[in-house]
Amino acid sequence: MRLIYHPDAELELIDAARFYEDRVQGLGRQFLDASDDGVSLIQAAPSSSASLKTM
């Protein structure tokens, strides 16, 4: 399944990675890798994750 981020969420993810990378070299990449790992877990077993209802 292909994941498409909302543009605002994608910008926030990139900004967070830059923030971490500015503090410690390589930490931004670790942050993005951890995010990818989490997304992969959800995609592998979507029913095992909590769902949120929007208003």
C-alpha atoms as a PDB file:
ATOM      1  CA  MET A   1       0.000   0.000   0.000  1.00  0.00           C
ATOM      2  CA  ARG A   2       1.310   3.429  -0.897  1.00  0.00           C
ATOM      3  CA  LEU A   3       1.245   6.007   1.886  1.00  0.00           C
ATOM      4  CA  ILE A   4       0.380   9.595   1.047  1.00  0.00           C
ATOM      5  CA  TYR A   5       1.015  12.206   3.709  1.00  0.00           C
ATOM      6  CA  HIS A   6      -1.125  15.304   4.036  1.00  0.00           C
ATOM      7  CA  PRO A   7       1.106  18.195   2.867  1.00  0.00           C
ATOM      8  CA  ASP A   8       1.035  19.825   6.321  1.00  0.00           C
ATOM      9  CA  ALA A   9       1.970  16.547   8.022  1.00  0.00           C
ATOM     10  CA  GLU A  10       4.813  15.979   5.576  1.00  0.00           C
ATOM     11  CA  LEU A  11       6.197  19.468   6.237  1.00  0.00           C
ATOM     12  CA  GLU A  12       5.950  18.912   9.987  1.00  0.00           C
ATOM     13  CA  LEU A  13       7.804  15.594   9.682  1.00  0.00           C
ATOM     14  CA  ILE A  14      10.572  17.212   7.611  1.00  0.00           C
ATOM     15  CA  ASP A  15      10.826  20.157  10.014  1.00  0.00           C
ATOM     16  CA  ALA A  16      11.136  17.786  12.967  1.00  0.00           C
ATOM     17  CA  ALA A  17      13.874  15.803  11.212  1.00  0.00           C
ATOM     18  CA  ARG A  18      15.772  19.017  10.469  1.00  0.00           C
ATOM     19  CA  PHE A  19      15.391  20.104  14.095  1.00  0.00           C
ATOM     20  CA  TYR A  20      16.944  16.863  15.331  1.00  0.00           C
ATOM     21  CA  GLU A  21      19.645  16.884  12.667  1.00  0.00           C
ATOM     22  CA  ASP A  22      20.639  20.435  13.671  1.00  0.00           C
ATOM     23  CA  ARG A  23      21.249  19.196  17.201  1.00  0.00           C
ATOM     24  CA  VAL A  24      23.078  15.942  16.527  1.00  0.00           C
ATOM     25  CA  GLN A  25      24.386  14.763  13.167  1.00  0.00           C
ATOM     26  CA  GLY A  26      22.487  11.666  12.090  1.00  0.00           C
ATOM     27  CA  LEU A  27      19.640  12.142  14.566  1.00  0.00           C
ATOM     28  CA  GLY A  28      17.309  13.492  11.883  1.00  0.00           C
ATOM     29  CA  ARG A  29      17.836  10.327   9.838  1.00  0.00           C
ATOM     30  CA  GLN A  30      17.224   8.182  12.931  1.00  0.00           C
ATOM     31  CA  PHE A  31      13.985  10.075  13.536  1.00  0.00           C
ATOM     32  CA  LEU A  32      12.792   9.494   9.959  1.00  0.00           C
ATOM     33  CA  ASP A  33      13.791   5.816  10.137  1.00  0.00           C
ATOM     34  CA  ALA A  34      11.795   5.407  13.363  1.00  0.00           C
ATOM     35  CA  SER A  35       8.824   7.118  11.734  1.00  0.00           C
ATOM     36  CA  ASP A  36       9.075   4.796   8.715  1.00  0.00           C
ATOM     37  CA  ASP A  37       9.280   1.781  11.041  1.00  0.00           C
ATOM     38  CA  GLY A  38       6.100   2.871  12.805  1.00  0.00           C
ATOM     39  CA  VAL A  39       4.258   3.391   9.532  1.00  0.00           C
ATOM     40  CA  SER A  40       5.422  -0.029   8.305  1.00  0.00           C
ATOM     41  CA  LEU A  41       4.039  -1.685  11.439  1.00  0.00           C
ATOM     42  CA  ILE A  42       0.682   0.013  10.959  1.00  0.00           C
ATOM     43  CA  GLN A  43       0.569  -0.941   7.279  1.00  0.00           C
ATOM     44  CA  ALA A  44       1.446  -4.563   8.084  1.00  0.00           C
ATOM     45  CA  ALA A  45      -1.337  -4.897  10.651  1.00  0.00           C
ATOM     46  CA  PRO A  46      -3.736  -1.962  10.391  1.00  0.00           C
ATOM     47  CA  SER A  47      -6.386  -3.506  12.624  1.00  0.00           C
ATOM     48  CA  SER A  48      -3.900  -3.721  15.505  1.00  0.00           C
ATOM     49  CA  SER A  49      -3.627   0.069  15.718  1.00  0.00           C
ATOM     50  CA  ALA A  50      -6.054   2.446  17.322  1.00  0.00           C
ATOM     51  CA  SER A  51      -8.208   4.443  14.966  1.00  0.00           C
ATOM     52  CA  LEU A  52      -9.180   8.040  15.483  1.00  0.00           C
ATOM     53  CA  LYS A  53     -12.542   9.458  14.656  1.00  0.00           C
ATOM     54  CA  THR A  54     -12.554  12.914  13.174  1.00  0.00           C
ATOM     55  CA  MET A  55     -15.249  15.421  13.931  1.00  0.00           C
END
